[in-house]
């Protein structure tokens, strides 16, 4: 296949032209831009569910993941007329029209634009200022083994169960785990972050030898796991479920079952292995939108502790 060639990809009722399909994006196994397209088609239902109606930052790698990384918020001029966007405003007074996925073709268009990673907001375009997703980010420090991440995940589930809340775990695609919770879109980012901090404090209270909520990285014990409540702040994004990560091995941020926590090996989830898993298991986050939970109890905890995240 000549380097100047292009292919047309049929995605439902839409066609996306993909240029340079043979360009190697992931050097570990030699997967190409077209392999990336095929991966996202294979998990189409899952990636669209994870991104649907959310402002989305694109992490682009025009020459593959060994080259320059571009963080792109704005959809460029000349995008297809069927592509959906949403306006988001920033404290600087500037604004951007960001990609708002509603169809698998939107994802493939983004890949054509050299997107590898998809980083959505935790709110949707119906009201971008009121999140409907609370994100629990289990972020191990450099000296914290994955065995600790597993242990902390079980404590997270224990607390969620006590609150009567269902959490949906996934690998981060890096060294940690994420747990997502659908919430009622009644609160702004600051309140969601306060609730997340109250929850993080409870995890730390139960596991003081393994967990930290210390704000400044330089002050954290490098052997501990940081429960990163700040991922719920406005305009903070993390890789979505089914997003490929920009690493040579093409590791995936992959939904898992709670009963997989003790055995999961996150680095084994790649664009070479996840399509077969998806075909067998379907989208393990398929029910995530069925129930939205209240943050009232967590906000009561925050009030009781006098938590204020404004100064952080």
Protein backbone atom coordinates (compact mmCIF):
# COMPACT_ATOMS: atom_id res chain seq x y z
CA UNK A 1 0.00 0.00 0.00
CA UNK A 2 1.53 3.32 -1.04
CA UNK A 3 2.10 5.87 1.65
CA UNK A 4 0.00 8.40 -0.25
CA UNK A 5 -3.00 6.09 -0.48
CA UNK A 6 -6.24 6.48 1.38
CA UNK A 7 -9.16 4.22 2.17
CA UNK A 8 -12.84 4.94 2.60
CA UNK A 9 -14.41 3.44 5.71
CA UNK A 10 -18.15 2.80 5.85
CA UNK A 11 -19.40 3.56 9.36
CA UNK A 12 -23.13 2.98 9.53
CA UNK A 13 -24.72 5.46 7.17
CA UNK A 14 -21.58 7.58 6.89
CA UNK A 15 -18.28 7.34 5.04
CA UNK A 16 -14.96 8.51 6.46
CA UNK A 17 -11.87 8.87 4.29
CA UNK A 18 -8.74 7.73 6.12
CA UNK A 19 -5.43 8.93 4.72
CA UNK A 20 -2.06 7.27 5.35
CA UNK A 21 -3.69 4.07 6.64
CA UNK A 22 -0.36 2.20 6.68
CA UNK A 23 1.44 4.73 8.91
CA UNK A 24 2.81 2.90 11.95
CA UNK A 25 1.33 4.43 15.10
CA UNK A 26 2.41 1.83 17.68
CA UNK A 27 5.97 0.58 17.23
CA UNK A 28 5.89 -2.27 19.78
CA UNK A 29 3.96 -4.54 17.41
CA UNK A 30 3.82 -2.33 14.34
CA UNK A 31 0.11 -1.49 14.41
CA UNK A 32 -0.94 1.19 11.95
CA UNK A 33 -3.47 3.96 11.69
CA UNK A 34 -5.81 1.52 9.94
CA UNK A 35 -5.38 -0.97 12.80
CA UNK A 36 -6.45 1.83 15.15
CA UNK A 37 -9.53 2.47 13.01
CA UNK A 38 -10.41 -1.23 13.06
CA UNK A 39 -10.02 -1.33 16.83
CA UNK A 40 -12.42 1.56 17.40
CA UNK A 41 -14.92 0.00 14.98
CA UNK A 42 -14.72 -3.27 16.94
CA UNK A 43 -15.62 -1.53 20.22
CA UNK A 44 -17.94 1.02 18.60
CA UNK A 45 -20.88 0.65 20.97
CA UNK A 46 -18.61 0.91 24.00
CA UNK A 47 -16.58 3.94 22.95
CA UNK A 48 -19.69 5.84 21.83
CA UNK A 49 -21.40 5.09 25.14
CA UNK A 50 -18.35 6.37 27.02
CA UNK A 51 -18.17 9.60 24.99
CA UNK A 52 -21.80 10.27 24.12
CA UNK A 53 -22.83 13.92 24.37
CA UNK A 54 -19.68 14.92 26.28
CA UNK A 55 -17.23 17.68 25.35
CA UNK A 56 -14.13 15.78 24.35
CA UNK A 57 -10.46 16.71 24.22
CA UNK A 58 -8.49 14.86 21.56
CA UNK A 59 -4.93 13.67 22.13
CA UNK A 60 -3.46 13.54 18.64
CA UNK A 61 -0.22 11.94 17.46
CA UNK A 62 0.25 13.04 13.82
CA UNK A 63 3.32 10.87 13.26
CA UNK A 64 2.48 8.04 15.68
CA UNK A 65 2.90 7.74 19.43
CA UNK A 66 6.68 8.06 19.24
CA UNK A 67 6.29 11.57 17.88
CA UNK A 68 4.73 14.84 18.98
CA UNK A 69 1.56 14.79 21.10
CA UNK A 70 -1.04 17.48 20.40
CA UNK A 71 -3.83 18.33 22.86
CA UNK A 72 -6.73 19.59 20.77
CA UNK A 73 -9.96 21.04 22.16
CA UNK A 74 -11.34 22.80 19.11
CA UNK A 75 -12.89 21.01 16.15
CA UNK A 76 -11.12 22.47 13.10
CA UNK A 77 -12.76 24.22 10.20
CA UNK A 78 -13.72 21.87 7.40
CA UNK A 79 -15.08 19.12 9.64
CA UNK A 80 -18.01 17.12 8.17
CA UNK A 81 -21.38 18.80 8.55
CA UNK A 82 -22.71 15.75 10.40
CA UNK A 83 -20.15 16.13 13.18
CA UNK A 84 -21.66 17.37 16.45
CA UNK A 85 -19.96 19.90 18.71
CA UNK A 86 -20.67 21.68 21.99
CA UNK A 87 -19.47 25.10 23.12
CA UNK A 88 -17.52 25.27 26.37
CA UNK A 89 -16.30 28.49 27.97
CA UNK A 90 -13.11 28.98 29.95
CA UNK A 91 -12.18 31.35 32.80
CA UNK A 92 -9.87 33.21 30.41
CA UNK A 93 -12.93 34.39 28.51
CA UNK A 94 -12.10 32.19 25.55
CA UNK A 95 -14.30 29.37 24.33
CA UNK A 96 -14.07 26.29 22.16
CA UNK A 97 -16.42 24.13 20.16
CA UNK A 98 -15.37 20.64 21.19
CA UNK A 99 -16.22 17.31 19.62
CA UNK A 100 -19.43 15.82 20.98
CA UNK A 101 -19.66 12.17 19.91
CA UNK A 102 -23.08 10.87 18.94
CA UNK A 103 -22.17 8.31 16.24
CA UNK A 104 -19.31 5.84 15.66
CA UNK A 105 -18.30 7.81 12.55
CA UNK A 106 -17.39 10.73 14.83
CA UNK A 107 -14.75 8.53 16.48
CA UNK A 108 -13.34 7.37 13.15
CA UNK A 109 -13.21 10.97 11.89
CA UNK A 110 -11.16 11.82 14.98
CA UNK A 111 -8.80 8.92 14.23
CA UNK A 112 -8.41 10.26 10.70
CA UNK A 113 -7.32 13.49 12.41
CA UNK A 114 -4.60 11.37 14.14
CA UNK A 115 -6.44 11.07 17.46
CA UNK A 116 -5.33 8.15 19.62
CA UNK A 117 -6.77 9.11 23.03
CA UNK A 118 -10.25 10.44 23.84
CA UNK A 119 -10.57 12.52 27.01
CA UNK A 120 -14.20 13.48 27.70
CA UNK A 121 -15.60 15.83 30.32
CA UNK A 122 -17.68 14.36 33.13
CA UNK A 123 -20.65 16.47 32.04
CA UNK A 124 -22.81 16.42 28.92
CA UNK A 125 -23.82 19.10 26.48
CA UNK A 126 -27.35 19.41 27.91
CA UNK A 127 -25.67 21.21 30.84
CA UNK A 128 -21.90 21.26 30.67
CA UNK A 129 -21.68 22.92 34.11
CA UNK A 130 -23.38 20.07 36.00
CA UNK A 131 -21.51 16.75 35.88
CA UNK A 132 -23.39 13.48 35.66
CA UNK A 133 -20.28 11.37 36.31
CA UNK A 134 -18.17 11.10 39.45
CA UNK A 135 -14.70 9.71 38.80
CA UNK A 136 -12.69 7.83 41.41
CA UNK A 137 -9.08 7.77 40.21
CA UNK A 138 -6.78 5.32 42.01
CA UNK A 139 -3.38 6.72 41.10
CA UNK A 140 -0.39 4.83 42.54
CA UNK A 141 2.76 6.77 43.34
CA UNK A 142 6.03 5.46 41.81
CA UNK A 143 6.78 3.14 44.73
CA UNK A 144 3.24 1.79 45.08
CA UNK A 145 2.77 -1.74 43.65
CA UNK A 146 -0.32 -2.78 41.71
CA UNK A 147 -1.17 -5.18 44.52
CA UNK A 148 -1.98 -2.10 46.60
CA UNK A 149 -4.20 -0.74 43.82
CA UNK A 150 -6.16 -4.02 43.96
CA UNK A 151 -6.58 -3.77 47.75
CA UNK A 152 -7.71 -0.15 47.61
CA UNK A 153 -10.20 -0.98 44.85
CA UNK A 154 -11.89 -3.48 47.17
CA UNK A 155 -12.19 -0.83 49.88
CA UNK A 156 -13.66 1.58 47.34
CA UNK A 157 -16.30 -0.98 46.45
CA UNK A 158 -17.00 -1.66 50.13
CA UNK A 159 -17.71 2.02 50.78
CA UNK A 160 -19.80 2.37 47.64
CA UNK A 161 -21.85 -0.66 48.69
CA UNK A 162 -22.46 0.94 52.09
CA UNK A 163 -23.69 4.06 50.31
CA UNK A 164 -25.97 1.98 48.08
CA UNK A 165 -24.04 3.10 44.99
CA UNK A 166 -22.90 1.04 42.01
CA UNK A 167 -19.42 1.79 40.70
CA UNK A 168 -18.12 0.77 37.30
CA UNK A 169 -14.38 -0.08 37.28
CA UNK A 170 -11.92 0.11 34.43
CA UNK A 171 -8.19 0.02 34.01
CA UNK A 172 -6.62 3.41 33.44
CA UNK A 173 -4.40 2.21 30.62
CA UNK A 174 -1.50 3.19 32.86
CA UNK A 175 -0.68 1.97 36.36
CA UNK A 176 -3.96 2.61 38.15
CA UNK A 177 -7.67 1.94 38.11
CA UNK A 178 -10.71 4.18 37.65
CA UNK A 179 -14.19 3.70 39.06
CA UNK A 180 -17.04 5.70 37.52
CA UNK A 181 -20.37 6.49 39.14
CA UNK A 182 -23.36 8.03 37.40
CA UNK A 183 -24.74 10.88 39.48
CA UNK A 184 -27.76 13.13 39.27
CA UNK A 185 -26.72 16.30 37.40
CA UNK A 186 -27.75 18.54 40.31
CA UNK A 187 -24.38 19.88 41.44
CA UNK A 188 -21.62 21.98 39.94
CA UNK A 189 -18.01 20.91 39.59
CA UNK A 190 -16.92 22.34 42.93
CA UNK A 191 -19.54 20.37 44.86
CA UNK A 192 -18.81 17.16 42.96
CA UNK A 193 -15.14 17.65 43.78
CA UNK A 194 -15.95 18.22 47.47
CA UNK A 195 -17.97 15.00 47.49
CA UNK A 196 -15.08 13.18 45.80
CA UNK A 197 -12.67 14.52 48.42
CA UNK A 198 -14.93 13.37 51.25
CA UNK A 199 -15.01 9.90 49.73
CA UNK A 200 -11.23 9.90 49.27
CA UNK A 201 -10.80 10.85 52.95
CA UNK A 202 -12.94 7.87 53.95
CA UNK A 203 -10.79 5.54 51.85
CA UNK A 204 -7.70 7.03 53.48
CA UNK A 205 -9.22 6.68 56.96
CA UNK A 206 -9.76 2.95 56.38
CA UNK A 207 -6.37 2.37 54.73
CA UNK A 208 -3.98 4.93 56.25
CA UNK A 209 -0.89 2.84 55.51
CA UNK A 210 -1.70 2.51 51.81
CA UNK A 211 -3.64 5.63 50.80
CA UNK A 212 -2.96 9.36 50.71
CA UNK A 213 -5.05 12.40 49.82
CA UNK A 214 -2.13 14.82 50.24
CA UNK A 215 -2.58 17.55 47.64
CA UNK A 216 1.00 18.39 46.67
CA UNK A 217 2.78 15.57 44.87
CA UNK A 218 6.13 16.47 46.46
CA UNK A 219 4.60 15.91 49.91
CA UNK A 220 3.13 12.47 49.17
CA UNK A 221 4.63 9.24 50.41
CA UNK A 222 5.93 7.58 47.20
CA UNK A 223 4.87 4.15 48.46
CA UNK A 224 1.19 5.11 48.72
CA UNK A 225 -1.77 5.35 46.38
CA UNK A 226 -3.26 8.79 45.77
CA UNK A 227 -7.05 8.95 45.44
CA UNK A 228 -7.13 11.76 42.91
CA UNK A 229 -10.37 13.59 43.63
CA UNK A 230 -9.17 16.49 41.47
CA UNK A 231 -10.14 14.56 38.35
CA UNK A 232 -13.65 15.87 39.07
CA UNK A 233 -12.62 19.52 38.66
CA UNK A 234 -13.96 21.51 35.72
CA UNK A 235 -12.14 20.88 32.43
CA UNK A 236 -10.11 18.03 33.93
CA UNK A 237 -10.32 14.96 31.76
CA UNK A 238 -9.02 11.40 31.80
CA UNK A 239 -8.99 8.74 29.10
CA UNK A 240 -12.43 7.27 28.52
CA UNK A 241 -13.42 3.65 28.69
CA UNK A 242 -12.10 1.92 25.54
CA UNK A 243 -9.69 4.76 24.77
CA UNK A 244 -6.33 3.65 23.45
CA UNK A 245 -3.39 5.20 25.30
CA UNK A 246 -0.55 6.89 23.48
CA UNK A 247 2.10 4.30 24.27
CA UNK A 248 4.00 1.97 21.92
CA UNK A 249 2.08 -1.11 23.14
CA UNK A 250 -1.36 0.47 22.39
CA UNK A 251 -2.73 -0.30 25.85
CA UNK A 252 -6.47 0.26 26.38
CA UNK A 253 -8.37 1.80 29.30
CA UNK A 254 -10.63 -1.23 29.64
CA UNK A 255 -13.86 -1.87 31.59
CA UNK A 256 -13.53 -4.82 33.96
CA UNK A 257 -15.76 -6.72 36.38
CA UNK A 258 -15.24 -6.35 40.12
CA UNK A 259 -14.43 -10.05 40.33
CA UNK A 260 -11.51 -9.50 37.94
CA UNK A 261 -9.73 -7.04 40.23
CA UNK A 262 -7.46 -9.61 41.88
CA UNK A 263 -6.30 -11.15 38.61
CA UNK A 264 -6.38 -8.34 36.07
CA UNK A 265 -3.13 -7.46 34.29
CA UNK A 266 -3.80 -4.05 32.73
CA UNK A 267 -0.91 -4.18 30.26
CA UNK A 268 -2.52 -7.20 28.59
CA UNK A 269 -5.43 -5.07 27.35
CA UNK A 270 -4.30 -3.74 23.95
CA UNK A 271 -5.78 -3.10 20.52
CA UNK A 272 -4.63 -6.65 19.70
CA UNK A 273 -6.61 -8.29 22.53
CA UNK A 274 -9.57 -6.11 23.53
CA UNK A 275 -11.67 -6.63 20.36
CA UNK A 276 -11.98 -10.36 21.08
CA UNK A 277 -12.79 -9.61 24.72
CA UNK A 278 -15.46 -7.12 23.63
CA UNK A 279 -16.93 -9.62 21.16
CA UNK A 280 -17.17 -12.21 23.95
CA UNK A 281 -18.30 -10.06 26.88
CA UNK A 282 -19.89 -7.04 25.23
CA UNK A 283 -19.60 -3.66 26.90
CA UNK A 284 -19.18 -4.25 30.63
CA UNK A 285 -20.32 -0.65 31.18
CA UNK A 286 -23.53 -1.17 29.19
CA UNK A 287 -25.69 -0.56 32.28
CA UNK A 288 -23.85 2.50 33.56
CA UNK A 289 -26.62 4.91 32.58
CA UNK A 290 -29.44 2.91 34.17
CA UNK A 291 -29.23 4.57 37.60
CA UNK A 292 -28.01 8.00 38.68
CA UNK A 293 -27.07 8.43 42.34
CA UNK A 294 -27.23 11.29 44.81
CA UNK A 295 -24.17 12.94 46.36
CA UNK A 296 -26.08 14.21 49.39
CA UNK A 297 -24.50 11.81 51.88
CA UNK A 298 -20.99 12.57 50.65
CA UNK A 299 -21.67 16.30 50.81
CA UNK A 300 -22.87 15.83 54.39
CA UNK A 301 -19.51 14.16 55.11
CA UNK A 302 -17.75 17.10 53.47
CA UNK A 303 -19.71 19.59 55.57
CA UNK A 304 -18.98 17.61 58.73
CA UNK A 305 -15.25 17.72 57.98
CA UNK A 306 -15.34 21.35 56.90
CA UNK A 307 -13.83 20.46 53.55
CA UNK A 308 -13.12 23.32 51.16
CA UNK A 309 -11.39 22.59 47.86
CA UNK A 310 -11.31 26.14 46.57
CA UNK A 311 -7.81 26.83 47.78
CA UNK A 312 -6.25 23.75 46.25
